[in-house]
Amino acid sequence: MSSLSLGSVDDIPVGEGRAYSVGGCEVAVYRLRDGSLRALSATCPHRGGPLADGLIDDDVVVCPLHGHTYDLATGENRNGGDSVRAYQVTTADDGSIEIDAHTGPG
């Protein structure tokens, strides 16, 4: 896996997301209540909503503009529309966020 460091996991409060630029693409990284991380494309394909600002639950993020719901593990749109790209993301031993920019389709 070719990974990129995005900064400290402490930059993302538990239960929230932050947008990062990864290889020219905007990626939303979420820190779940259990401390694990998930990452998706940061823009909702429905109307361009900022997914990093969406409400997150255990396994989904809800777009703040029109309520489209995306699976945090796969990027699948649970409303039946276009899905978003999912990325592998981990916390390194030093507490930094490491993302695989090549994860997901296309």
C-alpha atoms as a PDB file:
ATOM      1  CA  MET A   1       0.000   0.000   0.000  1.00  0.00           C
ATOM      2  CA  SER A   2       1.336   3.422  -0.962  1.00  0.00           C
ATOM      3  CA  SER A   3       0.071   5.714   1.778  1.00  0.00           C
ATOM      4  CA  LEU A   4       0.064   9.438   2.408  1.00  0.00           C
ATOM      5  CA  SER A   5       0.155  11.118   5.814  1.00  0.00           C
ATOM      6  CA  LEU A   6      -2.618  13.663   6.382  1.00  0.00           C
ATOM      7  CA  GLY A   7      -1.715  14.963   9.836  1.00  0.00           C
ATOM      8  CA  SER A   8      -2.644  14.022  13.378  1.00  0.00           C
ATOM      9  CA  VAL A   9      -5.735  11.985  14.192  1.00  0.00           C
ATOM     10  CA  ASP A  10      -6.241  14.451  17.064  1.00  0.00           C
ATOM     11  CA  ASP A  11      -7.123  17.104  14.447  1.00  0.00           C
ATOM     12  CA  ILE A  12     -10.477  15.338  13.973  1.00  0.00           C
ATOM     13  CA  PRO A  13     -12.802  15.360  16.998  1.00  0.00           C
ATOM     14  CA  VAL A  14     -14.504  12.042  17.751  1.00  0.00           C
ATOM     15  CA  GLY A  15     -17.795  11.835  15.837  1.00  0.00           C
ATOM     16  CA  GLU A  16     -16.789  14.339  13.151  1.00  0.00           C
ATOM     17  CA  GLY A  17     -15.173  14.536   9.733  1.00  0.00           C
ATOM     18  CA  ARG A  18     -12.573  16.732   8.045  1.00  0.00           C
ATOM     19  CA  ALA A  19     -11.793  17.330   4.365  1.00  0.00           C
ATOM     20  CA  TYR A  20      -8.277  16.813   3.007  1.00  0.00           C
ATOM     21  CA  SER A  21      -6.763  17.152  -0.458  1.00  0.00           C
ATOM     22  CA  VAL A  22      -5.346  13.802  -1.603  1.00  0.00           C
ATOM     23  CA  GLY A  23      -3.774  13.601  -5.042  1.00  0.00           C
ATOM     24  CA  GLY A  24      -5.925  16.435  -6.367  1.00  0.00           C
ATOM     25  CA  CYS A  25      -9.156  14.979  -4.927  1.00  0.00           C
ATOM     26  CA  GLU A  26     -11.056  16.089  -1.846  1.00  0.00           C
ATOM     27  CA  VAL A  27     -11.397  13.275   0.693  1.00  0.00           C
ATOM     28  CA  ALA A  28     -13.480  13.336   3.882  1.00  0.00           C
ATOM     29  CA  VAL A  29     -11.908  11.495   6.825  1.00  0.00           C
ATOM     30  CA  TYR A  30     -14.186  10.575   9.735  1.00  0.00           C
ATOM     31  CA  ARG A  31     -13.224   9.645  13.292  1.00  0.00           C
ATOM     32  CA  LEU A  32     -15.868   7.318  14.681  1.00  0.00           C
ATOM     33  CA  ARG A  33     -16.913   6.997  18.311  1.00  0.00           C
ATOM     34  CA  ASP A  34     -14.845   3.826  18.679  1.00  0.00           C
ATOM     35  CA  GLY A  35     -11.747   5.747  17.531  1.00  0.00           C
ATOM     36  CA  SER A  36     -11.549   4.072  14.116  1.00  0.00           C
ATOM     37  CA  LEU A  37     -11.254   6.070  10.901  1.00  0.00           C
ATOM     38  CA  ARG A  38     -13.198   5.943   7.623  1.00  0.00           C
ATOM     39  CA  ALA A  39     -12.644   7.946   4.432  1.00  0.00           C
ATOM     40  CA  LEU A  40     -14.841   8.772   1.427  1.00  0.00           C
ATOM     41  CA  SER A  41     -14.810  11.209  -1.458  1.00  0.00           C
ATOM     42  CA  ALA A  42     -15.714  14.539   0.138  1.00  0.00           C
ATOM     43  CA  THR A  43     -18.371  15.668  -2.354  1.00  0.00           C
ATOM     44  CA  CYS A  44     -21.896  14.271  -2.576  1.00  0.00           C
ATOM     45  CA  PRO A  45     -22.620  13.382  -6.217  1.00  0.00           C
ATOM     46  CA  HIS A  46     -26.280  14.394  -5.847  1.00  0.00           C
ATOM     47  CA  ARG A  47     -25.783  18.160  -5.548  1.00  0.00           C
ATOM     48  CA  GLY A  48     -22.186  18.670  -4.451  1.00  0.00           C
ATOM     49  CA  GLY A  49     -22.801  18.723  -0.706  1.00  0.00           C
ATOM     50  CA  PRO A  50     -19.785  18.707   1.646  1.00  0.00           C
ATOM     51  CA  LEU A  51     -19.768  15.177   3.079  1.00  0.00           C
ATOM     52  CA  ALA A  52     -17.092  16.065   5.659  1.00  0.00           C
ATOM     53  CA  ASP A  53     -19.770  18.244   7.304  1.00  0.00           C
ATOM     54  CA  GLY A  54     -22.371  15.461   7.295  1.00  0.00           C
ATOM     55  CA  LEU A  55     -23.754  13.712  10.347  1.00  0.00           C
ATOM     56  CA  ILE A  56     -22.080  10.378  11.000  1.00  0.00           C
ATOM     57  CA  ASP A  57     -23.437   7.303  12.721  1.00  0.00           C
ATOM     58  CA  ASP A  58     -21.783   3.947  13.314  1.00  0.00           C
ATOM     59  CA  ASP A  59     -21.693   3.027   9.631  1.00  0.00           C
ATOM     60  CA  VAL A  60     -23.076   5.928   7.545  1.00  0.00           C
ATOM     61  CA  VAL A  61     -22.671   9.621   6.802  1.00  0.00           C
ATOM     62  CA  VAL A  62     -25.675  11.776   5.880  1.00  0.00           C
ATOM     63  CA  CYS A  63     -25.138  14.610   3.390  1.00  0.00           C
ATOM     64  CA  PRO A  64     -26.004  17.933   5.065  1.00  0.00           C
ATOM     65  CA  LEU A  65     -27.773  19.312   1.971  1.00  0.00           C
ATOM     66  CA  HIS A  66     -30.384  16.750   0.962  1.00  0.00           C
ATOM     67  CA  GLY A  67     -30.007  13.772   3.295  1.00  0.00           C
ATOM     68  CA  HIS A  68     -28.397  11.249   0.964  1.00  0.00           C
ATOM     69  CA  THR A  69     -26.850   8.507   3.107  1.00  0.00           C
ATOM     70  CA  TYR A  70     -23.510   6.830   2.302  1.00  0.00           C
ATOM     71  CA  ASP A  71     -22.004   3.673   3.780  1.00  0.00           C
ATOM     72  CA  LEU A  72     -18.730   4.646   5.475  1.00  0.00           C
ATOM     73  CA  ALA A  73     -17.023   1.353   4.568  1.00  0.00           C
ATOM     74  CA  THR A  74     -18.025   1.066   0.906  1.00  0.00           C
ATOM     75  CA  GLY A  75     -19.265   4.502  -0.218  1.00  0.00           C
ATOM     76  CA  GLU A  76     -22.557   2.946  -1.356  1.00  0.00           C
ATOM     77  CA  ASN A  77     -25.482   5.381  -1.559  1.00  0.00           C
ATOM     78  CA  ARG A  78     -28.205   3.856   0.610  1.00  0.00           C
ATOM     79  CA  ASN A  79     -30.794   5.987  -1.231  1.00  0.00           C
ATOM     80  CA  GLY A  80     -30.070   4.222  -4.521  1.00  0.00           C
ATOM     81  CA  GLY A  81     -28.186   7.036  -6.258  1.00  0.00           C
ATOM     82  CA  ASP A  82     -24.536   7.296  -7.274  1.00  0.00           C
ATOM     83  CA  SER A  83     -22.015   6.021  -4.752  1.00  0.00           C
ATOM     84  CA  VAL A  84     -18.810   7.761  -3.641  1.00  0.00           C
ATOM     85  CA  ARG A  85     -15.282   6.379  -3.552  1.00  0.00           C
ATOM     86  CA  ALA A  86     -14.110   4.741  -0.308  1.00  0.00           C
ATOM     87  CA  TYR A  87     -10.476   4.857   0.816  1.00  0.00           C
ATOM     88  CA  GLN A  88      -8.457   2.710   3.219  1.00  0.00           C
ATOM     89  CA  VAL A  89      -7.384   4.853   6.150  1.00  0.00           C
ATOM     90  CA  THR A  90      -5.541   3.983   9.357  1.00  0.00           C
ATOM     91  CA  THR A  91      -3.894   5.577  12.358  1.00  0.00           C
ATOM     92  CA  ALA A  92      -0.114   5.089  12.364  1.00  0.00           C
ATOM     93  CA  ASP A  93       1.846   4.325  15.532  1.00  0.00           C
ATOM     94  CA  ASP A  94       2.782   8.010  15.843  1.00  0.00           C
ATOM     95  CA  GLY A  95      -0.902   9.085  15.732  1.00  0.00           C
ATOM     96  CA  SER A  96      -0.856  10.325  12.147  1.00  0.00           C
ATOM     97  CA  ILE A  97      -3.631   9.610   9.649  1.00  0.00           C
ATOM     98  CA  GLU A  98      -2.410   7.378   6.812  1.00  0.00           C
ATOM     99  CA  ILE A  99      -4.545   7.025   3.668  1.00  0.00           C
ATOM    100  CA  ASP A 100      -4.157   4.793   0.634  1.00  0.00           C
ATOM    101  CA  ALA A 101      -4.875   7.118  -2.292  1.00  0.00           C
ATOM    102  CA  HIS A 102      -5.387   4.141  -4.625  1.00  0.00           C
ATOM    103  CA  THR A 103      -8.272   2.496  -2.739  1.00  0.00           C
ATOM    104  CA  GLY A 104     -11.683   2.192  -4.315  1.00  0.00           C
ATOM    105  CA  PRO A 105     -12.971   2.142  -7.877  1.00  0.00           C
ATOM    106  CA  GLY A 106     -11.815   4.440 -10.639  1.00  0.00           C
END
